[in-house]
């Protein structure tokens, strides 16, 4: 019984291998692209890598035999390659979109992080230091002495003489009119 199962499996494998080798390269590419089209939206990174490797191997074989293809096989092959390329492009754009989205989402967090790193205590202390410095300058001004100086200045002005000179000037300018 065991030998019959092994013989049956070997026969099945031989039939499958025979089918794979008899399938033309454009047919193999079409089958590969159809399979990819059905599944690519759920591929993991490893599955994409495997798909890319399979595609590159198939593409290398196609490039070796391309000149021997009929015109319709060449057109079919180019169409299938374009279709596969569109799947890859869609996947790459989706990845780029996710990256851009995550970058945009992280901007507020980045700004908040920068704000958190600003040493507001040091800034506050600096402002307080400037304020105290100005207050110190104001306090150091001897206001009593300043007041006396201003009073002395106003007392030293002889208002009577100043009035006489102003009246003389008015007379001079008043006579010319």
Protein backbone atom coordinates (compact mmCIF):
# COMPACT_ATOMS: atom_id res chain seq x y z
CA UNK A 1 0.00 0.00 0.00
CA UNK A 2 2.79 2.38 0.95
CA UNK A 3 4.55 1.79 -2.37
CA UNK A 4 1.36 2.50 -4.30
CA UNK A 5 1.01 5.88 -2.56
CA UNK A 6 4.65 6.73 -3.30
CA UNK A 7 4.26 5.69 -6.95
CA UNK A 8 1.06 7.78 -7.21
CA UNK A 9 2.81 10.82 -5.72
CA UNK A 10 5.80 10.38 -8.01
CA UNK A 11 3.49 10.12 -11.01
CA UNK A 12 1.58 13.24 -9.95
CA UNK A 13 4.83 15.16 -9.51
CA UNK A 14 6.08 14.00 -12.89
CA UNK A 15 2.83 15.10 -14.55
CA UNK A 16 2.99 18.50 -12.82
CA UNK A 17 6.65 18.94 -13.76
CA UNK A 18 5.83 17.98 -17.34
CA UNK A 19 3.04 20.53 -17.47
CA UNK A 20 5.24 23.28 -16.10
CA UNK A 21 7.98 22.65 -18.62
CA UNK A 22 5.59 22.43 -21.57
CA UNK A 23 3.94 25.75 -20.69
CA UNK A 24 5.36 28.57 -22.84
CA UNK A 25 7.18 31.45 -21.15
CA UNK A 26 4.40 33.93 -22.04
CA UNK A 27 1.90 31.48 -20.53
CA UNK A 28 4.05 31.11 -17.40
CA UNK A 29 4.24 34.91 -17.11
CA UNK A 30 0.47 35.27 -17.59
CA UNK A 31 -0.18 32.63 -14.90
CA UNK A 32 2.30 34.34 -12.54
CA UNK A 33 0.69 37.77 -13.09
CA UNK A 34 -2.83 36.38 -12.61
CA UNK A 35 -1.80 34.76 -9.34
CA UNK A 36 -0.11 37.97 -8.20
CA UNK A 37 -3.15 40.06 -9.14
CA UNK A 38 -5.37 37.91 -6.91
CA UNK A 39 -3.04 38.00 -3.90
CA UNK A 40 -0.69 41.01 -3.99
CA UNK A 41 -2.84 43.29 -1.85
CA UNK A 42 -2.35 40.96 1.11
CA UNK A 43 1.35 40.18 0.53
CA UNK A 44 3.75 40.52 3.42
CA UNK A 45 7.21 41.96 2.82
CA UNK A 46 8.64 38.44 2.49
CA UNK A 47 5.94 37.49 -0.01
CA UNK A 48 6.76 40.61 -2.06
CA UNK A 49 10.44 39.69 -2.01
CA UNK A 50 9.63 36.15 -3.16
CA UNK A 51 7.33 37.51 -5.87
CA UNK A 52 10.04 39.89 -7.08
CA UNK A 53 12.59 37.04 -7.19
CA UNK A 54 10.21 34.83 -9.18
CA UNK A 55 9.45 37.68 -11.55
CA UNK A 56 13.15 38.43 -12.13
CA UNK A 57 13.89 34.76 -12.86
CA UNK A 58 10.99 34.55 -15.28
CA UNK A 59 11.98 37.86 -16.88
CA UNK A 60 15.55 36.63 -17.40
CA UNK A 61 14.25 33.53 -19.20
CA UNK A 62 11.91 35.66 -21.30
CA UNK A 63 14.72 38.04 -22.26
CA UNK A 64 16.80 35.08 -23.48
CA UNK A 65 13.99 33.82 -25.73
CA UNK A 66 12.18 37.05 -26.56
CA UNK A 67 13.42 37.26 -30.14
CA UNK A 68 11.93 33.84 -30.88
CA UNK A 69 8.44 34.84 -29.68
CA UNK A 70 5.66 35.48 -32.12
CA UNK A 71 4.38 39.06 -32.33
CA UNK A 72 1.29 38.18 -30.32
CA UNK A 73 3.45 36.53 -27.60
CA UNK A 74 5.67 39.63 -27.49
CA UNK A 75 2.62 41.86 -27.06
CA UNK A 76 1.14 39.53 -24.43
CA UNK A 77 4.47 39.44 -22.58
CA UNK A 78 4.85 43.24 -22.56
CA UNK A 79 1.26 43.64 -21.37
CA UNK A 80 1.78 41.14 -18.53
CA UNK A 81 5.05 42.80 -17.51
CA UNK A 82 3.32 46.18 -17.46
CA UNK A 83 0.52 44.78 -15.36
CA UNK A 84 2.96 43.31 -12.84
CA UNK A 85 4.83 46.62 -12.78
CA UNK A 86 1.58 48.39 -11.91
CA UNK A 87 1.12 46.07 -8.90
CA UNK A 88 4.63 46.86 -7.70
CA UNK A 89 4.06 50.60 -8.24
CA UNK A 90 0.78 50.49 -6.34
CA UNK A 91 2.50 48.73 -3.43
CA UNK A 92 5.36 51.25 -3.42
CA UNK A 93 2.97 54.21 -3.54
CA UNK A 94 0.94 52.75 -0.69
CA UNK A 95 4.14 52.38 1.33
CA UNK A 96 5.18 55.94 0.52
CA UNK A 97 1.73 57.21 1.45
CA UNK A 98 1.94 55.44 4.82
CA UNK A 99 5.40 56.91 5.41
CA UNK A 100 4.29 60.43 4.53
CA UNK A 101 1.21 60.02 6.71
CA UNK A 102 3.25 58.89 9.69
CA UNK A 103 5.69 61.78 9.17
CA UNK A 104 2.82 64.28 9.08
CA UNK A 105 1.29 62.70 12.17
CA UNK A 106 4.59 62.98 14.03
CA UNK A 107 5.07 66.73 13.39
CA UNK A 108 2.95 67.88 16.36
CA UNK A 109 4.72 65.38 18.62
CA UNK A 110 8.08 66.64 17.37
CA UNK A 111 7.12 70.25 18.03
CA UNK A 112 5.86 69.35 21.50
CA UNK A 113 9.13 67.53 22.14
CA UNK A 114 11.11 70.62 21.17
CA UNK A 115 8.92 72.79 23.38
CA UNK A 116 9.40 70.34 26.26
CA UNK A 117 13.17 70.58 25.81
CA UNK A 118 13.19 74.38 26.09
CA UNK A 119 14.32 75.24 29.57
CA UNK A 120 11.50 77.59 30.58
CA UNK A 121 12.91 77.83 34.09
CA UNK A 122 16.17 79.26 32.75
CA UNK A 123 14.25 81.75 30.60
CA UNK A 124 12.09 82.78 33.55
CA UNK A 125 15.20 83.20 35.74
CA UNK A 126 16.84 85.29 33.01
CA UNK A 127 13.85 87.60 32.77
CA UNK A 128 13.76 87.93 36.56
CA UNK A 129 17.47 88.78 36.51
CA UNK A 130 16.93 91.57 33.97
CA UNK A 131 13.99 92.88 36.00
CA UNK A 132 16.07 92.92 39.20
CA UNK A 133 18.90 94.65 37.36
CA UNK A 134 16.60 97.44 36.20
CA UNK A 135 15.13 97.76 39.69
CA UNK A 136 18.67 97.96 41.07
CA UNK A 137 19.56 100.77 38.68
CA UNK A 138 16.42 102.68 39.64
CA UNK A 139 17.10 102.16 43.34
CA UNK A 140 20.70 103.27 42.99
CA UNK A 141 19.65 106.64 41.61
CA UNK A 142 19.77 109.07 44.50
CA UNK A 143 16.37 110.66 43.96
CA UNK A 144 16.81 113.17 46.79
CA UNK A 145 20.06 114.37 45.26
CA UNK A 146 18.52 114.42 41.77
CA UNK A 147 15.57 116.45 43.07
CA UNK A 148 17.95 118.93 44.72
CA UNK A 149 19.89 119.28 41.49
CA UNK A 150 16.73 120.00 39.50
CA UNK A 151 15.54 122.48 42.15
CA UNK A 152 18.93 124.12 42.15
CA UNK A 153 18.83 124.46 38.40
CA UNK A 154 15.42 126.10 38.45
CA UNK A 155 16.44 128.41 41.32
CA UNK A 156 19.61 129.46 39.58
CA UNK A 157 17.64 130.69 36.61
CA UNK A 158 16.97 134.38 37.11
CA UNK A 159 13.43 134.50 35.87
CA UNK A 160 13.31 138.31 35.97
CA UNK A 161 16.32 138.62 33.63
CA UNK A 162 14.94 135.87 31.39
CA UNK A 163 11.62 137.73 31.15
CA UNK A 164 13.41 140.98 30.24
CA UNK A 165 15.35 139.26 27.44
CA UNK A 166 12.23 137.59 26.07
CA UNK A 167 10.36 140.91 26.06
CA UNK A 168 13.28 142.54 24.23
CA UNK A 169 13.21 139.84 21.60
CA UNK A 170 9.47 140.24 21.16
CA UNK A 171 9.91 143.98 20.68
CA UNK A 172 12.63 143.45 18.06
CA UNK A 173 10.60 140.96 16.08
CA UNK A 174 7.38 142.80 16.72
CA UNK A 175 8.77 146.07 15.19
CA UNK A 176 9.63 144.39 11.88
CA UNK A 177 6.02 143.47 11.14
